[in-house]
PDB file of N, CA and C in Angstrom:
ATOM      1  N   MET A   1       1.240 -11.302 -24.272  1.00  0.00           N
ATOM      2  CA  MET A   1       0.388 -11.712 -24.985  1.00  0.00           C
ATOM      3  C   MET A   1      -0.355 -12.389 -25.970  1.00  0.00           C
ATOM      4  N   LEU A   2      -1.093 -12.783 -25.786  1.00  0.00           N
ATOM      5  CA  LEU A   2      -1.821 -13.854 -27.237  1.00  0.00           C
ATOM      6  C   LEU A   2      -1.411 -13.378 -28.405  1.00  0.00           C
ATOM      7  N   LEU A   3      -2.277 -12.479 -29.140  1.00  0.00           N
ATOM      8  CA  LEU A   3      -1.705 -11.525 -30.176  1.00  0.00           C
ATOM      9  C   LEU A   3      -0.729 -10.446 -29.550  1.00  0.00           C
ATOM     10  N   SER A   4      -0.701  -9.970 -30.717  1.00  0.00           N
ATOM     11  CA  SER A   4      -0.026  -8.710 -30.392  1.00  0.00           C
ATOM     12  C   SER A   4      -0.854  -8.101 -32.521  1.00  0.00           C
ATOM     13  N   PHE A   5      -0.730  -6.447 -32.027  1.00  0.00           N
ATOM     14  CA  PHE A   5      -1.395  -6.199 -32.791  1.00  0.00           C
ATOM     15  C   PHE A   5      -0.591  -6.347 -34.604  1.00  0.00           C
ATOM     16  N   SER A   6       0.722  -6.405 -34.972  1.00  0.00           N
ATOM     17  CA  SER A   6       0.985  -6.518 -36.282  1.00  0.00           C
ATOM     18  C   SER A   6       0.801  -8.480 -36.472  1.00  0.00           C
ATOM     19  N   HIS A   7       0.737  -9.245 -35.541  1.00  0.00           N
ATOM     20  CA  HIS A   7       0.349 -10.748 -36.231  1.00  0.00           C
ATOM     21  C   HIS A   7      -1.129 -11.026 -36.485  1.00  0.00           C
ATOM     22  N   ILE A   8      -2.176  -9.322 -35.928  1.00  0.00           N
ATOM     23  CA  ILE A   8      -3.468  -9.410 -36.588  1.00  0.00           C
ATOM     24  C   ILE A   8      -4.013  -9.001 -37.801  1.00  0.00           C
ATOM     25  N   PHE A   9      -3.076  -7.694 -38.209  1.00  0.00           N
ATOM     26  CA  PHE A   9      -2.933  -6.950 -39.338  1.00  0.00           C
ATOM     27  C   PHE A   9      -1.803  -8.083 -40.417  1.00  0.00           C
ATOM     28  N   CYS A  10      -1.228  -8.574 -40.493  1.00  0.00           N
ATOM     29  CA  CYS A  10      -0.209 -10.081 -40.982  1.00  0.00           C
ATOM     30  C   CYS A  10      -1.425 -10.589 -41.217  1.00  0.00           C
ATOM     31  N   TYR A  11      -2.016 -11.337 -40.945  1.00  0.00           N
ATOM     32  CA  TYR A  11      -2.919 -12.809 -40.445  1.00  0.00           C
ATOM     33  C   TYR A  11      -4.021 -12.359 -41.528  1.00  0.00           C
ATOM     34  N   TYR A  12      -4.528 -10.936 -41.444  1.00  0.00           N
ATOM     35  CA  TYR A  12      -5.675 -10.245 -42.855  1.00  0.00           C
ATOM     36  C   TYR A  12      -5.501  -9.348 -43.315  1.00  0.00           C
ATOM     37  N   GLY A  13      -4.359  -9.471 -43.813  1.00  0.00           N
ATOM     38  CA  GLY A  13      -3.730  -8.809 -45.260  1.00  0.00           C
ATOM     39  C   GLY A  13      -3.239  -7.789 -45.470  1.00  0.00           C
ATOM     40  N   LEU A  14      -3.084  -7.228 -44.181  1.00  0.00           N
ATOM     41  CA  LEU A  14      -3.277  -5.255 -43.844  1.00  0.00           C
ATOM     42  C   LEU A  14      -1.857  -4.356 -43.632  1.00  0.00           C
ATOM     43  N   VAL A  15      -0.579  -5.403 -43.790  1.00  0.00           N
ATOM     44  CA  VAL A  15      -0.373  -4.917 -43.401  1.00  0.00           C
ATOM     45  C   VAL A  15       1.561  -4.584 -44.970  1.00  0.00           C
ATOM     46  N   ASN A  16       1.208  -3.539 -45.401  1.00  0.00           N
ATOM     47  CA  ASN A  16       1.621  -3.599 -46.920  1.00  0.00           C
ATOM     48  C   ASN A  16       3.236  -2.597 -46.973  1.00  0.00           C
ATOM     49  N   THR A  17       3.254  -2.083 -45.769  1.00  0.00           N
ATOM     50  CA  THR A  17       4.445  -0.936 -45.229  1.00  0.00           C
ATOM     51  C   THR A  17       5.305  -1.387 -44.004  1.00  0.00           C
ATOM     52  N   SER A  18       6.297  -0.974 -44.715  1.00  0.00           N
ATOM     53  CA  SER A  18       7.526  -0.996 -43.261  1.00  0.00           C
ATOM     54  C   SER A  18       7.362  -0.412 -42.643  1.00  0.00           C
ATOM     55  N   LEU A  19       6.922   1.355 -42.454  1.00  0.00           N
ATOM     56  CA  LEU A  19       5.860   2.222 -41.320  1.00  0.00           C
ATOM     57  C   LEU A  19       5.120   1.805 -40.999  1.00  0.00           C
ATOM     58  N   PHE A  20       4.205   0.874 -41.269  1.00  0.00           N
ATOM     59  CA  PHE A  20       3.401   0.756 -40.407  1.00  0.00           C
ATOM     60  C   PHE A  20       3.373  -0.224 -39.496  1.00  0.00           C
ATOM     61  N   ILE A  21       4.547  -1.621 -39.938  1.00  0.00           N
ATOM     62  CA  ILE A  21       4.955  -2.161 -39.441  1.00  0.00           C
ATOM     63  C   ILE A  21       5.821  -1.608 -38.169  1.00  0.00           C
ATOM     64  N   LEU A  22       6.270  -0.517 -38.678  1.00  0.00           N
ATOM     65  CA  LEU A  22       7.249  -0.139 -36.992  1.00  0.00           C
ATOM     66  C   LEU A  22       6.203   0.532 -36.309  1.00  0.00           C
ATOM     67  N   ILE A  23       4.899   1.162 -36.557  1.00  0.00           N
ATOM     68  CA  ILE A  23       4.170   1.827 -35.531  1.00  0.00           C
ATOM     69  C   ILE A  23       3.443   0.588 -34.723  1.00  0.00           C
ATOM     70  N   ILE A  24       3.339  -0.197 -35.629  1.00  0.00           N
ATOM     71  CA  ILE A  24       2.178  -1.780 -34.912  1.00  0.00           C
ATOM     72  C   ILE A  24       3.299  -2.558 -33.325  1.00  0.00           C
ATOM     73  N   ARG A  25       4.128  -1.947 -34.450  1.00  0.00           N
ATOM     74  CA  ARG A  25       5.923  -2.824 -32.906  1.00  0.00           C
ATOM     75  C   ARG A  25       5.634  -1.981 -32.058  1.00  0.00           C
ATOM     76  N   ILE A  26       5.488  -0.287 -32.440  1.00  0.00           N
ATOM     77  CA  ILE A  26       6.018   0.326 -30.867  1.00  0.00           C
ATOM     78  C   ILE A  26       4.570   0.666 -30.270  1.00  0.00           C
ATOM     79  N   CYS A  27       3.596   0.533 -30.776  1.00  0.00           N
ATOM     80  CA  CYS A  27       1.741   0.415 -30.008  1.00  0.00           C
ATOM     81  C   CYS A  27       2.573  -1.018 -29.420  1.00  0.00           C
ATOM     82  N   ASP A  28       2.980  -2.645 -29.901  1.00  0.00           N
ATOM     83  CA  ASP A  28       2.771  -3.525 -29.109  1.00  0.00           C
ATOM     84  C   ASP A  28       4.677  -3.319 -27.579  1.00  0.00           C
ATOM     85  N   LEU A  29       5.274  -2.354 -28.438  1.00  0.00           N
ATOM     86  CA  LEU A  29       6.103  -2.013 -26.749  1.00  0.00           C
ATOM     87  C   LEU A  29       5.038  -1.530 -26.015  1.00  0.00           C
ATOM     88  N   PHE A  30       4.558  -0.614 -26.214  1.00  0.00           N
ATOM     89  CA  PHE A  30       3.825   0.916 -25.163  1.00  0.00           C
ATOM     90  C   PHE A  30       3.102  -0.106 -24.834  1.00  0.00           C
ATOM     91  N   LEU A  31       2.181  -0.890 -25.237  1.00  0.00           N
ATOM     92  CA  LEU A  31       1.042  -2.015 -24.305  1.00  0.00           C
ATOM     93  C   LEU A  31       2.395  -2.757 -23.370  1.00  0.00           C
ATOM     94  N   LYS A  32       3.337  -3.509 -24.112  1.00  0.00           N
ATOM     95  CA  LYS A  32       3.970  -4.664 -22.741  1.00  0.00           C
ATOM     96  C   LYS A  32       4.590  -3.274 -21.764  1.00  0.00           C
ATOM     97  N   ILE A  33       4.724  -2.405 -21.753  1.00  0.00           N
ATOM     98  CA  ILE A  33       4.764  -1.335 -20.971  1.00  0.00           C
ATOM     99  C   ILE A  33       4.352  -0.803 -19.722  1.00  0.00           C
ATOM    100  N   LEU A  34       3.266  -0.220 -20.139  1.00  0.00           N
ATOM    101  CA  LEU A  34       2.293  -0.540 -19.199  1.00  0.00           C
ATOM    102  C   LEU A  34       2.166  -1.031 -18.970  1.00  0.00           C
ATOM    103  N   SER A  35       1.591  -2.188 -19.552  1.00  0.00           N
ATOM    104  CA  SER A  35       0.846  -3.831 -19.051  1.00  0.00           C
ATOM    105  C   SER A  35       2.777  -3.966 -17.006  1.00  0.00           C
ATOM    106  N   ILE A  36       3.850  -3.337 -17.560  1.00  0.00           N
ATOM    107  CA  ILE A  36       4.611  -3.911 -16.152  1.00  0.00           C
ATOM    108  C   ILE A  36       4.574  -2.762 -15.692  1.00  0.00           C
ATOM    109  N   LEU A  37       4.164  -1.738 -15.900  1.00  0.00           N
ATOM    110  CA  LEU A  37       4.120  -0.191 -14.676  1.00  0.00           C
ATOM    111  C   LEU A  37       2.087  -0.791 -13.609  1.00  0.00           C
ATOM    112  N   LEU A  38       1.585  -1.064 -14.968  1.00  0.00           N
ATOM    113  CA  LEU A  38       0.094  -1.545 -14.132  1.00  0.00           C
ATOM    114  C   LEU A  38       0.345  -2.550 -12.894  1.00  0.00           C
ATOM    115  N   CYS A  39       0.896  -4.033 -13.455  1.00  0.00           N
ATOM    116  CA  CYS A  39       1.787  -5.183 -12.597  1.00  0.00           C
ATOM    117  C   CYS A  39       2.977  -4.415 -10.710  1.00  0.00           C
ATOM    118  N   LEU A  40       3.378  -3.950 -11.863  1.00  0.00           N
ATOM    119  CA  LEU A  40       4.076  -3.152  -9.858  1.00  0.00           C
ATOM    120  C   LEU A  40       3.769  -1.632  -9.515  1.00  0.00           C
ATOM    121  N   THR A  41       2.547  -1.203 -10.130  1.00  0.00           N
ATOM    122  CA  THR A  41       1.490  -1.136  -8.860  1.00  0.00           C
ATOM    123  C   THR A  41       0.937  -1.302  -8.544  1.00  0.00           C
ATOM    124  N   ILE A  42       0.233  -2.306  -8.292  1.00  0.00           N
ATOM    125  CA  ILE A  42      -0.634  -3.612  -8.271  1.00  0.00           C
ATOM    126  C   ILE A  42       0.317  -4.463  -6.816  1.00  0.00           C
ATOM    127  N   SER A  43       1.447  -3.756  -7.262  1.00  0.00           N
ATOM    128  CA  SER A  43       2.195  -5.329  -6.114  1.00  0.00           C
ATOM    129  C   SER A  43       3.059  -4.133  -4.946  1.00  0.00           C
ATOM    130  N   PHE A  44       3.102  -2.778  -5.551  1.00  0.00           N
ATOM    131  CA  PHE A  44       3.662  -1.619  -4.284  1.00  0.00           C
ATOM    132  C   PHE A  44       2.650  -1.422  -4.120  1.00  0.00           C
ATOM    133  N   SER A  45       0.964  -1.443  -4.485  1.00  0.00           N
ATOM    134  CA  SER A  45       0.911  -0.793  -3.067  1.00  0.00           C
ATOM    135  C   SER A  45       0.530   0.071  -1.458  1.00  0.00           C
ATOM    136  N   ALA A  46       0.232   0.824  -0.867  1.00  0.00           N
ATOM    137  CA  ALA A  46       0.055   1.103   0.288  1.00  0.00           C
ATOM    138  C   ALA A  46      -0.612   0.373   0.933  1.00  0.00           C
ATOM    139  N   THR A  47      -0.451   0.247   1.638  1.00  0.00           N
ATOM    140  CA  THR A  47      -0.394  -0.609   3.107  1.00  0.00           C
ATOM    141  C   THR A  47      -2.062   0.322   3.796  1.00  0.00           C
ATOM    142  N   VAL A  48      -3.601  -0.714   4.112  1.00  0.00           N
ATOM    143  CA  VAL A  48      -4.388  -0.075   3.669  1.00  0.00           C
ATOM    144  C   VAL A  48      -4.473  -0.223   5.390  1.00  0.00           C
ATOM    145  N   VAL A  49      -4.495   1.250   6.144  1.00  0.00           N
ATOM    146  CA  VAL A  49      -5.062   1.351   7.299  1.00  0.00           C
ATOM    147  C   VAL A  49      -6.136   0.744   8.371  1.00  0.00           C
ATOM    148  N   ALA A  50      -7.121  -0.022   8.209  1.00  0.00           N
ATOM    149  CA  ALA A  50      -8.873  -0.325   9.165  1.00  0.00           C
ATOM    150  C   ALA A  50      -9.229   0.240   9.880  1.00  0.00           C
ATOM    151  N   TYR A  51      -8.245   0.838  11.210  1.00  0.00           N
ATOM    152  CA  TYR A  51      -9.137   1.924  11.951  1.00  0.00           C
ATOM    153  C   TYR A  51      -8.776   3.477  11.588  1.00  0.00           C
ATOM    154  N   PRO A  52      -9.678   4.108  11.999  1.00  0.00           N
ATOM    155  CA  PRO A  52      -9.664   5.350  11.786  1.00  0.00           C
ATOM    156  C   PRO A  52      -9.154   6.053  12.427  1.00  0.00           C
ATOM    157  N   GLN A  53      -8.361   6.823  11.657  1.00  0.00           N
ATOM    158  CA  GLN A  53      -7.230   7.869  11.848  1.00  0.00           C
ATOM    159  C   GLN A  53      -7.218   8.754  12.716  1.00  0.00           C
ATOM    160  N   ASP A  54      -8.853   9.071  13.197  1.00  0.00           N
ATOM    161  CA  ASP A  54      -9.233   9.762  14.735  1.00  0.00           C
ATOM    162  C   ASP A  54      -9.341   9.407  15.377  1.00  0.00           C
ATOM    163  N   GLN A  55      -9.330   7.654  15.657  1.00  0.00           N
ATOM    164  CA  GLN A  55      -9.616   6.935  16.635  1.00  0.00           C
ATOM    165  C   GLN A  55      -7.680   6.850  17.174  1.00  0.00           C
ATOM    166  N   LEU A  56      -6.869   7.411  16.246  1.00  0.00           N
ATOM    167  CA  LEU A  56      -5.509   7.267  16.676  1.00  0.00           C
ATOM    168  C   LEU A  56      -5.533   8.270  16.921  1.00  0.00           C
ATOM    169  N   LYS A  57      -5.513   9.938  16.599  1.00  0.00           N
ATOM    170  CA  LYS A  57      -5.958  11.288  17.502  1.00  0.00           C
ATOM    171  C   LYS A  57      -6.073  11.247  18.423  1.00  0.00           C
ATOM    172  N   ASP A  58      -7.203  10.547  19.420  1.00  0.00           N
ATOM    173  CA  ASP A  58      -7.975  10.174  20.735  1.00  0.00           C
ATOM    174  C   ASP A  58      -6.783   9.604  20.868  1.00  0.00           C
ATOM    175  N   CYS A  59      -6.462   8.238  20.591  1.00  0.00           N
ATOM    176  CA  CYS A  59      -5.094   7.823  21.736  1.00  0.00           C
ATOM    177  C   CYS A  59      -4.237   8.579  21.808  1.00  0.00           C
ATOM    178  N   ILE A  60      -3.487   9.210  21.762  1.00  0.00           N
ATOM    179  CA  ILE A  60      -2.340  10.114  20.698  1.00  0.00           C
ATOM    180  C   ILE A  60      -3.148  11.595  22.741  1.00  0.00           C
ATOM    181  N   LEU A  61      -4.131  11.959  22.808  1.00  0.00           N
ATOM    182  CA  LEU A  61      -4.614  13.289  23.044  1.00  0.00           C
ATOM    183  C   LEU A  61      -4.707  12.449  24.787  1.00  0.00           C
ATOM    184  N   ASN A  62      -5.182  11.141  24.893  1.00  0.00           N
ATOM    185  CA  ASN A  62      -5.612  10.283  26.116  1.00  0.00           C
ATOM    186  C   ASN A  62      -4.088  10.057  26.111  1.00  0.00           C
ATOM    187  N   ALA A  63      -3.194   9.582  25.909  1.00  0.00           N
ATOM    188  CA  ALA A  63      -1.943   9.338  26.113  1.00  0.00           C
ATOM    189  C   ALA A  63      -1.142  10.447  26.930  1.00  0.00           C
ATOM    190  N   ASN A  64      -0.483  11.466  25.831  1.00  0.00           N
ATOM    191  CA  ASN A  64      -0.248  12.567  26.642  1.00  0.00           C
ATOM    192  C   ASN A  64      -0.597  13.191  27.766  1.00  0.00           C
ATOM    193  N   LYS A  65      -2.155  13.215  28.275  1.00  0.00           N
ATOM    194  CA  LYS A  65      -3.197  13.374  29.611  1.00  0.00           C
ATOM    195  C   LYS A  65      -2.577  12.378  30.359  1.00  0.00           C
ATOM    196  N   ASN A  66      -2.150  10.761  30.388  1.00  0.00           N
ATOM    197  CA  ASN A  66      -2.141   9.943  31.366  1.00  0.00           C
ATOM    198  C   ASN A  66      -0.185  10.326  32.328  1.00  0.00           C
ATOM    199  N   PRO A  67      -1.131  10.577  33.324  1.00  0.00           N
ATOM    200  CA  PRO A  67       0.408  11.301  34.227  1.00  0.00           C
ATOM    201  C   PRO A  67       1.510  10.017  33.570  1.00  0.00           C
ATOM    202  N   SER A  68       1.321   9.080  33.780  1.00  0.00           N
ATOM    203  CA  SER A  68       2.870   7.758  33.582  1.00  0.00           C
ATOM    204  C   SER A  68       3.818   8.271  32.467  1.00  0.00           C
ATOM    205  N   LEU A  69       2.693   8.989  31.684  1.00  0.00           N
ATOM    206  CA  LEU A  69       3.497   8.638  29.986  1.00  0.00           C
ATOM    207  C   LEU A  69       4.498  10.273  30.096  1.00  0.00           C
ATOM    208  N   LYS A  70       4.079  10.798  31.419  1.00  0.00           N
ATOM    209  CA  LYS A  70       4.830  12.291  31.065  1.00  0.00           C
ATOM    210  C   LYS A  70       6.330  11.793  30.628  1.00  0.00           C
ATOM    211  N   GLY A  71       7.302  12.711  29.314  1.00  0.00           N
ATOM    212  CA  GLY A  71       8.427  12.486  29.452  1.00  0.00           C
ATOM    213  C   GLY A  71       8.391  11.530  28.171  1.00  0.00           C
ATOM    214  N   MET A  72       7.244  11.195  28.213  1.00  0.00           N
ATOM    215  CA  MET A  72       7.781  10.644  26.667  1.00  0.00           C
ATOM    216  C   MET A  72       7.566  10.836  25.265  1.00  0.00           C
ATOM    217  N   THR A  73       8.451  10.413  24.366  1.00  0.00           N
ATOM    218  CA  THR A  73       8.573  11.083  23.398  1.00  0.00           C
ATOM    219  C   THR A  73       7.353  11.258  22.393  1.00  0.00           C
ATOM    220  N   ASP A  74       7.389  12.319  21.372  1.00  0.00           N
ATOM    221  CA  ASP A  74       5.395  12.020  20.216  1.00  0.00           C
ATOM    222  C   ASP A  74       6.006  10.993  19.720  1.00  0.00           C
ATOM    223  N   GLU A  75       6.642  10.802  19.266  1.00  0.00           N
ATOM    224  CA  GLU A  75       6.811   9.711  18.415  1.00  0.00           C
ATOM    225  C   GLU A  75       6.940   8.492  18.749  1.00  0.00           C
ATOM    226  N   SER A  76       6.929   8.074  20.315  1.00  0.00           N
ATOM    227  CA  SER A  76       7.082   6.389  21.052  1.00  0.00           C
ATOM    228  C   SER A  76       5.628   6.896  21.535  1.00  0.00           C
ATOM    229  N   ILE A  77       5.370   7.521  22.151  1.00  0.00           N
ATOM    230  CA  ILE A  77       3.711   7.493  22.104  1.00  0.00           C
ATOM    231  C   ILE A  77       2.729   7.441  20.731  1.00  0.00           C
ATOM    232  N   GLU A  78       2.755   8.137  19.906  1.00  0.00           N
ATOM    233  CA  GLU A  78       2.422   7.591  18.577  1.00  0.00           C
ATOM    234  C   GLU A  78       2.385   6.365  17.971  1.00  0.00           C
ATOM    235  N   ASN A  79       3.947   5.967  18.007  1.00  0.00           N
ATOM    236  CA  ASN A  79       4.456   4.202  17.567  1.00  0.00           C
ATOM    237  C   ASN A  79       2.728   2.743  19.087  1.00  0.00           C
ATOM    238  N   TYR A  80       3.547   3.644  19.901  1.00  0.00           N
ATOM    239  CA  TYR A  80       2.412   3.258  20.514  1.00  0.00           C
ATOM    240  C   TYR A  80       1.352   3.134  20.610  1.00  0.00           C
ATOM    241  N   CYS A  81       0.205   3.950  20.031  1.00  0.00           N
ATOM    242  CA  CYS A  81      -1.805   4.672  19.439  1.00  0.00           C
ATOM    243  C   CYS A  81      -1.017   3.514  18.531  1.00  0.00           C
ATOM    244  N   ASP A  82      -0.494   3.860  17.599  1.00  0.00           N
ATOM    245  CA  ASP A  82       0.178   2.647  16.345  1.00  0.00           C
ATOM    246  C   ASP A  82      -0.154   1.314  16.451  1.00  0.00           C
ATOM    247  N   CYS A  83       0.073   0.636  17.061  1.00  0.00           N
ATOM    248  CA  CYS A  83       0.677  -0.671  17.178  1.00  0.00           C
ATOM    249  C   CYS A  83      -0.701  -1.447  18.080  1.00  0.00           C
ATOM    250  N   ALA A  84      -1.041  -0.550  19.024  1.00  0.00           N
ATOM    251  CA  ALA A  84      -2.449  -0.975  19.703  1.00  0.00           C
ATOM    252  C   ALA A  84      -3.575  -1.069  19.635  1.00  0.00           C
ATOM    253  N   LEU A  85      -3.597  -0.332  18.281  1.00  0.00           N
ATOM    254  CA  LEU A  85      -4.833   0.216  17.604  1.00  0.00           C
ATOM    255  C   LEU A  85      -5.072  -0.582  16.107  1.00  0.00           C
ATOM    256  N   LYS A  86      -3.625  -0.397  15.507  1.00  0.00           N
ATOM    257  CA  LYS A  86      -4.061  -2.444  14.742  1.00  0.00           C
ATOM    258  C   LYS A  86      -4.455  -3.463  15.337  1.00  0.00           C
ATOM    259  N   LEU A  87      -3.683  -3.757  16.296  1.00  0.00           N
ATOM    260  CA  LEU A  87      -3.955  -5.434  17.346  1.00  0.00           C
ATOM    261  C   LEU A  87      -5.358  -5.515  17.557  1.00  0.00           C
ATOM    262  N   ILE A  88      -5.678  -4.442  18.014  1.00  0.00           N
ATOM    263  CA  ILE A  88      -7.418  -4.026  18.869  1.00  0.00           C
ATOM    264  C   ILE A  88      -8.100  -4.694  17.518  1.00  0.00           C
ATOM    265  N   VAL A  89      -7.783  -3.329  16.373  1.00  0.00           N
ATOM    266  CA  VAL A  89      -9.264  -3.145  15.756  1.00  0.00           C
ATOM    267  C   VAL A  89      -8.895  -4.220  14.598  1.00  0.00           C
ATOM    268  N   ASP A  90      -7.850  -4.038  13.963  1.00  0.00           N
ATOM    269  CA  ASP A  90      -7.229  -4.220  12.614  1.00  0.00           C
ATOM    270  C   ASP A  90      -6.801  -6.460  13.170  1.00  0.00           C
ATOM    271  N   GLU A  91      -6.472  -6.681  14.269  1.00  0.00           N
ATOM    272  CA  GLU A  91      -6.548  -8.363  14.197  1.00  0.00           C
ATOM    273  C   GLU A  91      -7.083  -8.691  15.634  1.00  0.00           C
ATOM    274  N   ASN A  92      -8.239  -8.097  15.650  1.00  0.00           N
ATOM    275  CA  ASN A  92      -9.626  -8.399  17.467  1.00  0.00           C
ATOM    276  C   ASN A  92      -8.353  -8.781  18.265  1.00  0.00           C
ATOM    277  N   LYS A  93      -8.030  -8.466  18.611  1.00  0.00           N
ATOM    278  CA  LYS A  93      -7.075  -8.942  19.880  1.00  0.00           C
ATOM    279  C   LYS A  93      -7.180  -8.120  21.082  1.00  0.00           C
ATOM    280  N   ASP A  94      -6.899  -9.174  22.279  1.00  0.00           N
ATOM    281  CA  ASP A  94      -7.374  -8.224  23.309  1.00  0.00           C
ATOM    282  C   ASP A  94      -6.612  -7.051  24.432  1.00  0.00           C
ATOM    283  N   ILE A  95      -7.527  -6.399  24.523  1.00  0.00           N
ATOM    284  CA  ILE A  95      -7.448  -4.746  24.641  1.00  0.00           C
ATOM    285  C   ILE A  95      -5.816  -4.769  25.550  1.00  0.00           C
ATOM    286  N   ARG A  96      -6.514  -5.775  26.386  1.00  0.00           N
ATOM    287  CA  ARG A  96      -5.151  -5.474  28.154  1.00  0.00           C
ATOM    288  C   ARG A  96      -4.861  -5.717  27.439  1.00  0.00           C
ATOM    289  N   SER A  97      -4.144  -7.044  27.275  1.00  0.00           N
ATOM    290  CA  SER A  97      -2.431  -7.363  26.002  1.00  0.00           C
ATOM    291  C   SER A  97      -2.114  -7.140  25.309  1.00  0.00           C
ATOM    292  N   THR A  98      -3.167  -6.614  24.519  1.00  0.00           N
ATOM    293  CA  THR A  98      -2.379  -5.563  23.303  1.00  0.00           C
ATOM    294  C   THR A  98      -1.809  -4.919  24.373  1.00  0.00           C
ATOM    295  N   GLY A  99      -2.168  -3.970  25.267  1.00  0.00           N
ATOM    296  CA  GLY A  99      -1.964  -2.697  25.315  1.00  0.00           C
ATOM    297  C   GLY A  99      -0.464  -2.358  26.026  1.00  0.00           C
ATOM    298  N   TYR A 100      -0.007  -4.138  26.606  1.00  0.00           N
ATOM    299  CA  TYR A 100       0.897  -3.981  27.465  1.00  0.00           C
ATOM    300  C   TYR A 100       2.440  -4.201  26.479  1.00  0.00           C
ATOM    301  N   GLU A 101       1.656  -4.733  25.406  1.00  0.00           N
ATOM    302  CA  GLU A 101       2.763  -6.026  25.172  1.00  0.00           C
ATOM    303  C   GLU A 101       3.433  -4.431  23.946  1.00  0.00           C
ATOM    304  N   CYS A 102       2.171  -3.657  23.339  1.00  0.00           N
ATOM    305  CA  CYS A 102       3.067  -1.980  22.348  1.00  0.00           C
ATOM    306  C   CYS A 102       3.603  -1.436  23.890  1.00  0.00           C
ATOM    307  N   ALA A 103       2.994  -1.327  24.944  1.00  0.00           N
ATOM    308  CA  ALA A 103       3.722  -0.384  25.922  1.00  0.00           C
ATOM    309  C   ALA A 103       5.073  -0.675  25.725  1.00  0.00           C
ATOM    310  N   VAL A 104       5.958  -2.334  26.339  1.00  0.00           N
ATOM    311  CA  VAL A 104       7.390  -2.655  25.864  1.00  0.00           C
ATOM    312  C   VAL A 104       7.932  -2.192  25.138  1.00  0.00           C
ATOM    313  N   LYS A 105       6.899  -2.552  23.846  1.00  0.00           N
ATOM    314  CA  LYS A 105       7.707  -2.165  22.383  1.00  0.00           C
ATOM    315  C   LYS A 105       8.146  -0.755  22.348  1.00  0.00           C
ATOM    316  N   ASN A 106       7.261  -0.084  23.425  1.00  0.00           N
ATOM    317  CA  ASN A 106       7.328   1.302  22.661  1.00  0.00           C
ATOM    318  C   ASN A 106       8.060   2.355  24.070  1.00  0.00           C
ATOM    319  N   PHE A 107       8.176   1.945  25.094  1.00  0.00           N
ATOM    320  CA  PHE A 107       8.363   2.662  25.743  1.00  0.00           C
ATOM    321  C   PHE A 107       9.304   1.466  27.215  1.00  0.00           C
ATOM    322  N   SER A 108      10.310   1.513  26.114  1.00  0.00           N
ATOM    323  CA  SER A 108      11.208   0.877  26.937  1.00  0.00           C
ATOM    324  C   SER A 108      12.000   1.118  26.813  1.00  0.00           C
TER     325      SER A 108
END
């Protein structure tokens, strides 16, 4: 902070007691802690997924109907769909090559 509460009040001659100074210092500390928490919250915010969740559900349902994927775990199918949708929708990559790349990562 450029100016704290105590500097402002001292400048205008409004501080006469040590209790008032203590209260002002506590307020300054509170604002510093609040600023740090705000910075941490912004720094560690969750990753945003651009593709709609209903597309993920549709992909999983269609993958489960695919006979060549019988015996694959639900987790690997979900990871495959998530990988493919991120690349296709979020990064605008080619569908065919993306499907192959994600299949190699998740079904090998």
